[in-house]
Amino acid sequence: MENEFVVLVVDDDIVSRTVVQKHLQKAGFNVVTASNGKNALDLFDNHFFPIVLTDWMMPGIDGPQLCRLIREKKTDSYVFIILVTSRDSKTDIVSGLECGADDYLTKPIHPAEMVARVNTGIRILKLEQSLKKANEEIRLLSIIDPLTGCYNRGYLNEHLMDELKRARRYNHCLSVVLADIDHFKNVNDTYGHQIGDEVLKAFAQCLQKEIRKKIDWVVRYGGEEFLIVLPETKNLGAFSMAERLRQAVAEIIIGAGAHELNITASFGGACVAFDNENTNDVSMDMLINQADEQLYRCKKEGRNRTNVIEFKV
């Protein structure tokens, strides 16, 4: 099985390039070759290469210049660069490292040493991957509600205003819907908090299943209350979505010991529609408060209902 880290070998001498390629492939590496610095940069425009092994002396763009140009590129991950040179003075080596190289090889190349230095680069790249994964896990912990898997209030505060700005910029609609599990306190009082947590998880899963993927998003707003954000959605569309959610929630069955538990929920929503003539500001709190008023109306009218209005600004 070939190594997942593709090595880009850059050398204008076809014999040297071929020898390096064969030794790396024999060691299990996936290798792509380039005949000069410009060719290497053209390949970089279409593919990402985590490891570059480049000759120093080349016509046009030489090795050190190629190092600098690669470092100027915006890449999602780090590029480990090994500079191959016949120059072995400390001054030359320092000069190459200052141009952006991470390591160097002196000619004539010893195959085992080359493979060892490439593997050193792979260890560094794997460490970077581990750090990025750990940072992503930390980031998710900071924005995700651990019980339900929905976004939390911190994410809402950061991103709902962005949705409002985007809707205003492009004269689009934006709707939000507050959903509240009916009589949730009775669930906790009757069946206990463990069953209550199962209800919350099942409710959140139902909401996330029904919304548009990668467009709409759900926030645990507080306790048994959730906020659904519906970009580019008019009030009738928001009502349709909320009503579909309400019906789906009513079909949830949760085991509670020897009993089966059914739940219902109320949905109150508000939509803001921007146009070129609308210059009034709309804050996140204003929009959510309008949705909250509709949710309160649902509760007052008996719960298990849906109300959505267009918020006039």
C-alpha atoms as a PDB file:
ATOM      1  CA  MET A   1       0.000   0.000   0.000  1.00  0.00           C
ATOM      2  CA  GLU A   2       1.437   3.374  -1.013  1.00  0.00           C
ATOM      3  CA  ASN A   3       2.074   6.045   1.582  1.00  0.00           C
ATOM      4  CA  GLU A   4      -0.712   8.618   1.950  1.00  0.00           C
ATOM      5  CA  PHE A   5       1.787  11.504   1.878  1.00  0.00           C
ATOM      6  CA  VAL A   6       2.537  12.229  -1.781  1.00  0.00           C
ATOM      7  CA  VAL A   7       6.101  13.349  -2.509  1.00  0.00           C
ATOM      8  CA  LEU A   8       6.746  15.900  -5.253  1.00  0.00           C
ATOM      9  CA  VAL A   9      10.245  15.419  -6.678  1.00  0.00           C
ATOM     10  CA  VAL A  10      11.599  18.438  -8.574  1.00  0.00           C
ATOM     11  CA  ASP A  11      14.789  18.111 -10.642  1.00  0.00           C
ATOM     12  CA  ASP A  12      15.687  19.286 -14.137  1.00  0.00           C
ATOM     13  CA  ASP A  13      18.028  16.311 -14.634  1.00  0.00           C
ATOM     14  CA  ILE A  14      15.939  13.370 -15.844  1.00  0.00           C
ATOM     15  CA  VAL A  15      18.450  10.756 -14.654  1.00  0.00           C
ATOM     16  CA  SER A  16      18.635  12.143 -11.109  1.00  0.00           C
ATOM     17  CA  ARG A  17      14.864  12.644 -11.030  1.00  0.00           C
ATOM     18  CA  THR A  18      14.212   9.074 -12.136  1.00  0.00           C
ATOM     19  CA  VAL A  19      16.672   7.585  -9.642  1.00  0.00           C
ATOM     20  CA  VAL A  20      15.093   9.501  -6.733  1.00  0.00           C
ATOM     21  CA  GLN A  21      11.612   8.543  -7.899  1.00  0.00           C
ATOM     22  CA  LYS A  22      12.456   4.827  -8.058  1.00  0.00           C
ATOM     23  CA  HIS A  23      14.084   4.773  -4.604  1.00  0.00           C
ATOM     24  CA  LEU A  24      11.086   6.526  -3.020  1.00  0.00           C
ATOM     25  CA  GLN A  25       8.580   4.301  -4.795  1.00  0.00           C
ATOM     26  CA  LYS A  26      10.526   1.249  -3.679  1.00  0.00           C
ATOM     27  CA  ALA A  27      10.173   2.527  -0.094  1.00  0.00           C
ATOM     28  CA  GLY A  28       6.392   2.712  -0.595  1.00  0.00           C
ATOM     29  CA  PHE A  29       5.889   6.389  -1.379  1.00  0.00           C
ATOM     30  CA  ASN A  30       3.501   7.830  -3.926  1.00  0.00           C
ATOM     31  CA  VAL A  31       5.680  10.079  -6.101  1.00  0.00           C
ATOM     32  CA  VAL A  32       4.915  12.836  -8.607  1.00  0.00           C
ATOM     33  CA  THR A  33       7.749  14.444 -10.562  1.00  0.00           C
ATOM     34  CA  ALA A  34       8.353  17.908 -11.999  1.00  0.00           C
ATOM     35  CA  SER A  35      11.125  18.835 -14.438  1.00  0.00           C
ATOM     36  CA  ASN A  36      11.631  22.379 -13.121  1.00  0.00           C
ATOM     37  CA  GLY A  37      10.394  24.936 -10.608  1.00  0.00           C
ATOM     38  CA  LYS A  38       7.693  26.368 -12.865  1.00  0.00           C
ATOM     39  CA  ASN A  39       6.328  22.895 -13.580  1.00  0.00           C
ATOM     40  CA  ALA A  40       6.239  22.230  -9.838  1.00  0.00           C
ATOM     41  CA  LEU A  41       4.270  25.424  -9.155  1.00  0.00           C
ATOM     42  CA  ASP A  42       1.814  24.586 -11.948  1.00  0.00           C
ATOM     43  CA  LEU A  43       1.238  21.177 -10.349  1.00  0.00           C
ATOM     44  CA  PHE A  44       0.720  22.880  -6.976  1.00  0.00           C
ATOM     45  CA  ASP A  45      -2.064  24.997  -8.457  1.00  0.00           C
ATOM     46  CA  ASN A  46      -4.142  21.846  -9.011  1.00  0.00           C
ATOM     47  CA  HIS A  47      -2.908  19.461  -6.312  1.00  0.00           C
ATOM     48  CA  PHE A  48      -1.588  19.646  -2.782  1.00  0.00           C
ATOM     49  CA  PHE A  49       1.749  17.984  -2.090  1.00  0.00           C
ATOM     50  CA  PRO A  50       2.640  17.627   1.603  1.00  0.00           C
ATOM     51  CA  ILE A  51       6.285  16.768   0.880  1.00  0.00           C
ATOM     52  CA  VAL A  52       8.536  18.404  -1.701  1.00  0.00           C
ATOM     53  CA  LEU A  53      12.034  17.188  -2.494  1.00  0.00           C
ATOM     54  CA  THR A  54      13.694  19.712  -4.785  1.00  0.00           C
ATOM     55  CA  ASP A  55      17.089  20.153  -6.360  1.00  0.00           C
ATOM     56  CA  TRP A  56      18.896  23.427  -5.619  1.00  0.00           C
ATOM     57  CA  MET A  57      20.413  24.172  -9.022  1.00  0.00           C
ATOM     58  CA  MET A  58      17.741  24.455 -11.711  1.00  0.00           C
ATOM     59  CA  PRO A  59      17.239  26.875 -14.630  1.00  0.00           C
ATOM     60  CA  GLY A  60      14.612  29.574 -14.114  1.00  0.00           C
ATOM     61  CA  ILE A  61      13.139  28.993 -10.681  1.00  0.00           C
ATOM     62  CA  ASP A  62      15.827  27.318  -8.595  1.00  0.00           C
ATOM     63  CA  GLY A  63      15.334  25.339  -5.384  1.00  0.00           C
ATOM     64  CA  PRO A  64      15.563  28.203  -2.866  1.00  0.00           C
ATOM     65  CA  GLN A  65      13.228  30.373  -4.930  1.00  0.00           C
ATOM     66  CA  LEU A  66      10.777  27.468  -5.215  1.00  0.00           C
ATOM     67  CA  CYS A  67      10.866  27.152  -1.416  1.00  0.00           C
ATOM     68  CA  ARG A  68       9.964  30.816  -1.016  1.00  0.00           C
ATOM     69  CA  LEU A  69       7.143  30.629  -3.575  1.00  0.00           C
ATOM     70  CA  ILE A  70       5.639  27.528  -1.945  1.00  0.00           C
ATOM     71  CA  ARG A  71       5.729  29.237   1.460  1.00  0.00           C
ATOM     72  CA  GLU A  72       3.806  32.175  -0.033  1.00  0.00           C
ATOM     73  CA  LYS A  73       0.959  29.870  -1.058  1.00  0.00           C
ATOM     74  CA  LYS A  74      -2.026  29.527   1.256  1.00  0.00           C
ATOM     75  CA  THR A  75      -2.337  25.825   1.963  1.00  0.00           C
ATOM     76  CA  ASP A  76      -4.627  24.029   4.407  1.00  0.00           C
ATOM     77  CA  SER A  77      -1.744  21.955   5.746  1.00  0.00           C
ATOM     78  CA  TYR A  78       1.980  22.353   6.121  1.00  0.00           C
ATOM     79  CA  VAL A  79       4.389  21.490   3.283  1.00  0.00           C
ATOM     80  CA  PHE A  80       7.615  19.783   4.352  1.00  0.00           C
ATOM     81  CA  ILE A  81      10.424  20.785   1.937  1.00  0.00           C
ATOM     82  CA  ILE A  82      13.741  18.997   1.537  1.00  0.00           C
ATOM     83  CA  LEU A  83      16.384  20.836  -0.455  1.00  0.00           C
ATOM     84  CA  VAL A  84      18.901  18.690  -2.379  1.00  0.00           C
ATOM     85  CA  THR A  85      22.286  20.325  -2.974  1.00  0.00           C
ATOM     86  CA  SER A  86      25.911  19.637  -3.780  1.00  0.00           C
ATOM     87  CA  ARG A  87      26.796  22.613  -1.598  1.00  0.00           C
ATOM     88  CA  ASP A  88      27.763  21.479   1.852  1.00  0.00           C
ATOM     89  CA  SER A  89      29.095  24.657   3.457  1.00  0.00           C
ATOM     90  CA  LYS A  90      27.292  25.877   6.572  1.00  0.00           C
ATOM     91  CA  THR A  91      26.591  29.200   4.874  1.00  0.00           C
ATOM     92  CA  ASP A  92      24.836  27.505   1.945  1.00  0.00           C
ATOM     93  CA  ILE A  93      22.860  25.206   4.229  1.00  0.00           C
ATOM     94  CA  VAL A  94      21.699  28.124   6.392  1.00  0.00           C
ATOM     95  CA  SER A  95      20.797  30.071   3.248  1.00  0.00           C
ATOM     96  CA  GLY A  96      18.644  27.180   2.022  1.00  0.00           C
ATOM     97  CA  LEU A  97      16.871  26.790   5.356  1.00  0.00           C
ATOM     98  CA  GLU A  98      16.205  30.536   5.513  1.00  0.00           C
ATOM     99  CA  CYS A  99      14.489  30.294   2.105  1.00  0.00           C
ATOM    100  CA  GLY A 100      11.891  27.988   3.641  1.00  0.00           C
ATOM    101  CA  ALA A 101      13.391  24.502   3.436  1.00  0.00           C
ATOM    102  CA  ASP A 102      12.857  22.234   6.455  1.00  0.00           C
ATOM    103  CA  ASP A 103      15.723  19.854   5.774  1.00  0.00           C
ATOM    104  CA  TYR A 104      18.448  19.207   3.247  1.00  0.00           C
ATOM    105  CA  LEU A 105      20.273  16.385   1.479  1.00  0.00           C
ATOM    106  CA  THR A 106      23.739  16.613  -0.002  1.00  0.00           C
ATOM    107  CA  LYS A 107      24.735  14.954  -3.251  1.00  0.00           C
ATOM    108  CA  PRO A 108      25.396  12.197  -3.995  1.00  0.00           C
ATOM    109  CA  ILE A 109      22.136  11.171  -2.341  1.00  0.00           C
ATOM    110  CA  HIS A 110      22.250   8.120  -0.116  1.00  0.00           C
ATOM    111  CA  PRO A 111      18.893   6.310  -0.652  1.00  0.00           C
ATOM    112  CA  ALA A 112      18.490   5.216   2.976  1.00  0.00           C
ATOM    113  CA  GLU A 113      19.231   8.726   4.234  1.00  0.00           C
ATOM    114  CA  MET A 114      16.724  10.208   1.778  1.00  0.00           C
ATOM    115  CA  VAL A 115      13.993   7.818   2.921  1.00  0.00           C
ATOM    116  CA  ALA A 116      14.828   8.560   6.556  1.00  0.00           C
ATOM    117  CA  ARG A 117      14.557  12.318   6.029  1.00  0.00           C
ATOM    118  CA  VAL A 118      11.249  11.942   4.172  1.00  0.00           C
ATOM    119  CA  ASN A 119       9.959   9.831   7.062  1.00  0.00           C
ATOM    120  CA  THR A 120      11.054  12.578   9.436  1.00  0.00           C
ATOM    121  CA  GLY A 121       8.869  14.951   7.461  1.00  0.00           C
ATOM    122  CA  ILE A 122       5.960  12.522   7.674  1.00  0.00           C
ATOM    123  CA  ARG A 123       6.273  12.342  11.467  1.00  0.00           C
ATOM    124  CA  ILE A 124       6.071  16.131  11.622  1.00  0.00           C
ATOM    125  CA  LEU A 125       3.086  16.210   9.272  1.00  0.00           C
ATOM    126  CA  LYS A 126       1.292  13.530  11.303  1.00  0.00           C
ATOM    127  CA  LEU A 127       1.904  15.559  14.447  1.00  0.00           C
ATOM    128  CA  GLU A 128       0.348  18.555  12.698  1.00  0.00           C
ATOM    129  CA  GLN A 129      -2.670  16.414  11.772  1.00  0.00           C
ATOM    130  CA  SER A 130      -3.048  15.292  15.383  1.00  0.00           C
ATOM    131  CA  LEU A 131      -2.876  18.872  16.630  1.00  0.00           C
ATOM    132  CA  LYS A 132      -5.433  20.021  14.049  1.00  0.00           C
ATOM    133  CA  LYS A 133      -7.755  17.169  15.032  1.00  0.00           C
ATOM    134  CA  ALA A 134      -7.398  18.035  18.717  1.00  0.00           C
ATOM    135  CA  ASN A 135      -8.036  21.722  18.002  1.00  0.00           C
ATOM    136  CA  GLU A 136     -11.113  20.839  15.959  1.00  0.00           C
ATOM    137  CA  GLU A 137     -12.436  18.685  18.813  1.00  0.00           C
ATOM    138  CA  ILE A 138     -11.869  21.575  21.228  1.00  0.00           C
ATOM    139  CA  ARG A 139     -13.614  23.951  18.815  1.00  0.00           C
ATOM    140  CA  LEU A 140     -16.610  21.613  18.544  1.00  0.00           C
ATOM    141  CA  LEU A 141     -16.803  21.313  22.316  1.00  0.00           C
ATOM    142  CA  SER A 142     -17.014  25.096  22.504  1.00  0.00           C
ATOM    143  CA  ILE A 143     -19.963  25.381  20.087  1.00  0.00           C
ATOM    144  CA  ILE A 144     -21.894  22.097  20.494  1.00  0.00           C
ATOM    145  CA  ASP A 145     -24.364  21.225  23.238  1.00  0.00           C
ATOM    146  CA  PRO A 146     -22.977  17.925  24.628  1.00  0.00           C
ATOM    147  CA  LEU A 147     -26.362  16.336  25.363  1.00  0.00           C
ATOM    148  CA  THR A 148     -28.237  16.974  22.117  1.00  0.00           C
ATOM    149  CA  GLY A 149     -25.486  17.551  19.573  1.00  0.00           C
ATOM    150  CA  CYS A 150     -27.090  20.837  18.510  1.00  0.00           C
ATOM    151  CA  TYR A 151     -25.251  24.145  18.433  1.00  0.00           C
ATOM    152  CA  ASN A 152     -25.178  26.107  21.678  1.00  0.00           C
ATOM    153  CA  ARG A 153     -25.920  29.729  22.550  1.00  0.00           C
ATOM    154  CA  GLY A 154     -22.309  30.722  21.952  1.00  0.00           C
ATOM    155  CA  TYR A 155     -22.551  29.590  18.332  1.00  0.00           C
ATOM    156  CA  LEU A 156     -25.906  31.356  17.978  1.00  0.00           C
ATOM    157  CA  ASN A 157     -24.535  34.651  19.262  1.00  0.00           C
ATOM    158  CA  GLU A 158     -21.650  34.444  16.807  1.00  0.00           C
ATOM    159  CA  HIS A 159     -23.480  33.318  13.666  1.00  0.00           C
ATOM    160  CA  LEU A 160     -27.074  34.558  13.700  1.00  0.00           C
ATOM    161  CA  MET A 161     -25.930  38.151  13.221  1.00  0.00           C
ATOM    162  CA  ASP A 162     -23.880  36.963  10.237  1.00  0.00           C
ATOM    163  CA  GLU A 163     -27.035  35.419   8.764  1.00  0.00           C
ATOM    164  CA  LEU A 164     -28.877  38.703   9.253  1.00  0.00           C
ATOM    165  CA  LYS A 165     -26.100  40.669   7.551  1.00  0.00           C
ATOM    166  CA  ARG A 166     -26.059  38.237   4.639  1.00  0.00           C
ATOM    167  CA  ALA A 167     -29.845  38.444   4.223  1.00  0.00           C
ATOM    168  CA  ARG A 168     -29.700  42.248   4.187  1.00  0.00           C
ATOM    169  CA  ARG A 169     -26.758  42.337   1.766  1.00  0.00           C
ATOM    170  CA  TYR A 170     -28.517  40.156  -0.815  1.00  0.00           C
ATOM    171  CA  ASN A 171     -32.129  41.241  -0.092  1.00  0.00           C
ATOM    172  CA  HIS A 172     -33.081  37.773   1.096  1.00  0.00           C
ATOM    173  CA  CYS A 173     -35.433  36.479   3.768  1.00  0.00           C
ATOM    174  CA  LEU A 174     -34.412  34.958   7.067  1.00  0.00           C
ATOM    175  CA  SER A 175     -36.665  33.034   9.425  1.00  0.00           C
ATOM    176  CA  VAL A 176     -36.174  31.707  12.939  1.00  0.00           C
ATOM    177  CA  VAL A 177     -38.440  29.278  14.770  1.00  0.00           C
ATOM    178  CA  LEU A 178     -38.489  28.677  18.513  1.00  0.00           C
ATOM    179  CA  ALA A 179     -39.553  25.161  19.459  1.00  0.00           C
ATOM    180  CA  ASP A 180     -40.559  24.197  22.976  1.00  0.00           C
ATOM    181  CA  ILE A 181     -41.401  20.712  24.246  1.00  0.00           C
ATOM    182  CA  ASP A 182     -44.857  20.809  25.778  1.00  0.00           C
ATOM    183  CA  HIS A 183     -45.156  19.991  29.501  1.00  0.00           C
ATOM    184  CA  PHE A 184     -41.500  18.968  29.720  1.00  0.00           C
ATOM    185  CA  LYS A 185     -41.419  19.616  33.484  1.00  0.00           C
ATOM    186  CA  ASN A 186     -44.053  16.907  33.892  1.00  0.00           C
ATOM    187  CA  VAL A 187     -41.781  14.476  32.031  1.00  0.00           C
ATOM    188  CA  ASN A 188     -38.931  15.098  34.470  1.00  0.00           C
ATOM    189  CA  ASP A 189     -41.226  15.006  37.488  1.00  0.00           C
ATOM    190  CA  THR A 190     -42.968  11.794  36.400  1.00  0.00           C
ATOM    191  CA  TYR A 191     -40.195   9.774  34.770  1.00  0.00           C
ATOM    192  CA  GLY A 192     -36.990  11.353  36.078  1.00  0.00           C
ATOM    193  CA  HIS A 193     -34.238  13.399  34.531  1.00  0.00           C
ATOM    194  CA  GLN A 194     -32.646  10.444  32.739  1.00  0.00           C
ATOM    195  CA  ILE A 195     -35.802   9.923  30.690  1.00  0.00           C
ATOM    196  CA  GLY A 196     -36.003  13.689  30.317  1.00  0.00           C
ATOM    197  CA  ASP A 197     -32.555  13.653  28.728  1.00  0.00           C
ATOM    198  CA  GLU A 198     -33.671  10.912  26.339  1.00  0.00           C
ATOM    199  CA  VAL A 199     -36.624  13.080  25.352  1.00  0.00           C
ATOM    200  CA  LEU A 200     -34.349  16.026  24.669  1.00  0.00           C
ATOM    201  CA  LYS A 201     -32.024  13.912  22.542  1.00  0.00           C
ATOM    202  CA  ALA A 202     -34.868  12.376  20.565  1.00  0.00           C
ATOM    203  CA  PHE A 203     -36.430  15.799  20.035  1.00  0.00           C
ATOM    204  CA  ALA A 204     -33.136  17.287  18.825  1.00  0.00           C
ATOM    205  CA  GLN A 205     -32.517  14.364  16.471  1.00  0.00           C
ATOM    206  CA  CYS A 206     -35.978  14.811  15.003  1.00  0.00           C
ATOM    207  CA  LEU A 207     -35.354  18.505  14.328  1.00  0.00           C
ATOM    208  CA  GLN A 208     -31.958  17.888  12.762  1.00  0.00           C
ATOM    209  CA  LYS A 209     -33.315  15.104  10.579  1.00  0.00           C
ATOM    210  CA  GLU A 210     -36.050  17.261   9.049  1.00  0.00           C
ATOM    211  CA  ILE A 211     -34.133  20.493   8.308  1.00  0.00           C
ATOM    212  CA  ARG A 212     -32.185  21.206   5.121  1.00  0.00           C
ATOM    213  CA  LYS A 213     -28.656  19.894   5.467  1.00  0.00           C
ATOM    214  CA  LYS A 214     -25.847  22.477   5.404  1.00  0.00           C
ATOM    215  CA  ILE A 215     -28.392  25.314   5.118  1.00  0.00           C
ATOM    216  CA  ASP A 216     -30.594  25.329   8.231  1.00  0.00           C
ATOM    217  CA  TRP A 217     -29.211  24.854  11.719  1.00  0.00           C
ATOM    218  CA  VAL A 218     -30.526  24.089  15.197  1.00  0.00           C
ATOM    219  CA  VAL A 219     -29.496  25.613  18.528  1.00  0.00           C
ATOM    220  CA  ARG A 220     -30.344  24.415  21.998  1.00  0.00           C
ATOM    221  CA  TYR A 221     -31.608  27.754  23.188  1.00  0.00           C
ATOM    222  CA  GLY A 222     -32.171  26.741  26.784  1.00  0.00           C
ATOM    223  CA  GLY A 223     -33.593  23.764  28.691  1.00  0.00           C
ATOM    224  CA  GLU A 224     -36.263  22.219  26.464  1.00  0.00           C
ATOM    225  CA  GLU A 225     -36.316  25.167  24.057  1.00  0.00           C
ATOM    226  CA  PHE A 226     -34.601  25.016  20.662  1.00  0.00           C
ATOM    227  CA  LEU A 227     -34.109  27.606  17.927  1.00  0.00           C
ATOM    228  CA  ILE A 228     -34.157  26.643  14.237  1.00  0.00           C
ATOM    229  CA  VAL A 229     -32.483  29.122  11.874  1.00  0.00           C
ATOM    230  CA  LEU A 230     -33.838  29.025   8.300  1.00  0.00           C
ATOM    231  CA  PRO A 231     -31.827  31.155   5.853  1.00  0.00           C
ATOM    232  CA  GLU A 232     -33.516  32.366   2.653  1.00  0.00           C
ATOM    233  CA  THR A 233     -36.908  31.223   3.934  1.00  0.00           C
ATOM    234  CA  LYS A 234     -40.106  33.269   3.774  1.00  0.00           C
ATOM    235  CA  ASN A 235     -42.732  33.130   6.481  1.00  0.00           C
ATOM    236  CA  LEU A 236     -44.898  30.597   4.596  1.00  0.00           C
ATOM    237  CA  GLY A 237     -41.870  28.369   4.098  1.00  0.00           C
ATOM    238  CA  ALA A 238     -40.981  28.700   7.773  1.00  0.00           C
ATOM    239  CA  PHE A 239     -44.540  27.814   8.753  1.00  0.00           C
ATOM    240  CA  SER A 240     -44.466  24.774   6.478  1.00  0.00           C
ATOM    241  CA  MET A 241     -41.173  23.625   7.971  1.00  0.00           C
ATOM    242  CA  ALA A 242     -42.339  24.217  11.546  1.00  0.00           C
ATOM    243  CA  GLU A 243     -45.610  22.399  10.940  1.00  0.00           C
ATOM    244  CA  ARG A 244     -43.749  19.434   9.456  1.00  0.00           C
ATOM    245  CA  LEU A 245     -41.495  19.399  12.513  1.00  0.00           C
ATOM    246  CA  ARG A 246     -44.483  19.575  14.849  1.00  0.00           C
ATOM    247  CA  GLN A 247     -46.069  16.561  13.170  1.00  0.00           C
ATOM    248  CA  ALA A 248     -42.819  14.611  13.188  1.00  0.00           C
ATOM    249  CA  VAL A 249     -42.307  15.280  16.906  1.00  0.00           C
ATOM    250  CA  ALA A 250     -45.817  13.996  17.660  1.00  0.00           C
ATOM    251  CA  GLU A 251     -44.781  10.625  16.203  1.00  0.00           C
ATOM    252  CA  ILE A 252     -41.820  10.206  18.564  1.00  0.00           C
ATOM    253  CA  ILE A 253     -42.182   7.279  20.969  1.00  0.00           C
ATOM    254  CA  ILE A 254     -39.731   7.006  23.861  1.00  0.00           C
ATOM    255  CA  GLY A 255     -39.416   4.021  26.161  1.00  0.00           C
ATOM    256  CA  ALA A 256     -39.878   4.939  29.830  1.00  0.00           C
ATOM    257  CA  GLY A 257     -39.580   1.726  31.803  1.00  0.00           C
ATOM    258  CA  ALA A 258     -42.768  -0.239  31.310  1.00  0.00           C
ATOM    259  CA  HIS A 259     -44.382   2.725  29.603  1.00  0.00           C
ATOM    260  CA  GLU A 260     -44.117   4.415  26.225  1.00  0.00           C
ATOM    261  CA  LEU A 261     -43.920   8.172  26.216  1.00  0.00           C
ATOM    262  CA  ASN A 262     -45.276  10.456  23.511  1.00  0.00           C
ATOM    263  CA  ILE A 263     -44.421  14.136  23.341  1.00  0.00           C
ATOM    264  CA  THR A 264     -45.643  17.197  21.508  1.00  0.00           C
ATOM    265  CA  ALA A 265     -44.079  20.590  20.910  1.00  0.00           C
ATOM    266  CA  SER A 266     -45.086  24.150  20.109  1.00  0.00           C
ATOM    267  CA  PHE A 267     -43.419  26.234  17.391  1.00  0.00           C
ATOM    268  CA  GLY A 268     -43.333  30.005  17.143  1.00  0.00           C
ATOM    269  CA  GLY A 269     -41.512  31.701  14.308  1.00  0.00           C
ATOM    270  CA  ALA A 270     -40.687  35.051  12.762  1.00  0.00           C
ATOM    271  CA  CYS A 271     -39.455  36.002   9.304  1.00  0.00           C
ATOM    272  CA  VAL A 272     -37.693  39.170   8.235  1.00  0.00           C
ATOM    273  CA  ALA A 273     -37.730  40.085   4.539  1.00  0.00           C
ATOM    274  CA  PHE A 274     -35.194  42.617   3.301  1.00  0.00           C
ATOM    275  CA  ASP A 275     -35.438  44.702   0.151  1.00  0.00           C
ATOM    276  CA  ASN A 276     -33.716  47.747  -1.305  1.00  0.00           C
ATOM    277  CA  GLU A 277     -36.231  50.089   0.310  1.00  0.00           C
ATOM    278  CA  ASN A 278     -35.865  48.560   3.764  1.00  0.00           C
ATOM    279  CA  THR A 279     -33.107  50.425   5.589  1.00  0.00           C
ATOM    280  CA  ASN A 280     -34.131  49.690   9.187  1.00  0.00           C
ATOM    281  CA  ASP A 281     -31.791  47.707  11.392  1.00  0.00           C
ATOM    282  CA  VAL A 282     -32.865  44.313  12.678  1.00  0.00           C
ATOM    283  CA  SER A 283     -31.053  42.849  15.652  1.00  0.00           C
ATOM    284  CA  MET A 284     -30.811  39.217  16.614  1.00  0.00           C
ATOM    285  CA  ASP A 285     -32.786  39.887  19.801  1.00  0.00           C
ATOM    286  CA  MET A 286     -35.567  41.647  17.912  1.00  0.00           C
ATOM    287  CA  LEU A 287     -36.078  38.669  15.615  1.00  0.00           C
ATOM    288  CA  ILE A 288     -35.944  36.078  18.388  1.00  0.00           C
ATOM    289  CA  ASN A 289     -38.329  38.119  20.556  1.00  0.00           C
ATOM    290  CA  GLN A 290     -40.865  38.131  17.726  1.00  0.00           C
ATOM    291  CA  ALA A 291     -40.572  34.344  17.480  1.00  0.00           C
ATOM    292  CA  ASP A 292     -40.903  34.059  21.259  1.00  0.00           C
ATOM    293  CA  GLU A 293     -44.136  36.034  21.169  1.00  0.00           C
ATOM    294  CA  GLN A 294     -45.555  33.557  18.665  1.00  0.00           C
ATOM    295  CA  LEU A 295     -44.404  30.650  20.815  1.00  0.00           C
ATOM    296  CA  TYR A 296     -46.148  32.190  23.825  1.00  0.00           C
ATOM    297  CA  ARG A 297     -49.279  32.524  21.734  1.00  0.00           C
ATOM    298  CA  CYS A 298     -49.110  28.792  20.915  1.00  0.00           C
ATOM    299  CA  LYS A 299     -48.865  27.905  24.590  1.00  0.00           C
ATOM    300  CA  LYS A 300     -51.729  30.221  25.485  1.00  0.00           C
ATOM    301  CA  GLU A 301     -53.902  28.626  22.809  1.00  0.00           C
ATOM    302  CA  GLY A 302     -53.314  25.111  24.124  1.00  0.00           C
ATOM    303  CA  ARG A 303     -49.851  24.025  22.916  1.00  0.00           C
ATOM    304  CA  ASN A 304     -48.971  21.588  20.108  1.00  0.00           C
ATOM    305  CA  ARG A 305     -49.448  24.448  17.653  1.00  0.00           C
ATOM    306  CA  THR A 306     -47.519  26.446  15.061  1.00  0.00           C
ATOM    307  CA  ASN A 307     -47.528  30.218  14.558  1.00  0.00           C
ATOM    308  CA  VAL A 308     -45.180  32.127  12.245  1.00  0.00           C
ATOM    309  CA  ILE A 309     -45.385  35.801  11.327  1.00  0.00           C
ATOM    310  CA  GLU A 310     -43.513  38.122   9.029  1.00  0.00           C
ATOM    311  CA  PHE A 311     -41.585  40.571  11.146  1.00  0.00           C
ATOM    312  CA  LYS A 312     -42.120  44.093   9.783  1.00  0.00           C
ATOM    313  CA  VAL A 313     -39.060  46.340  10.125  1.00  0.00           C
END
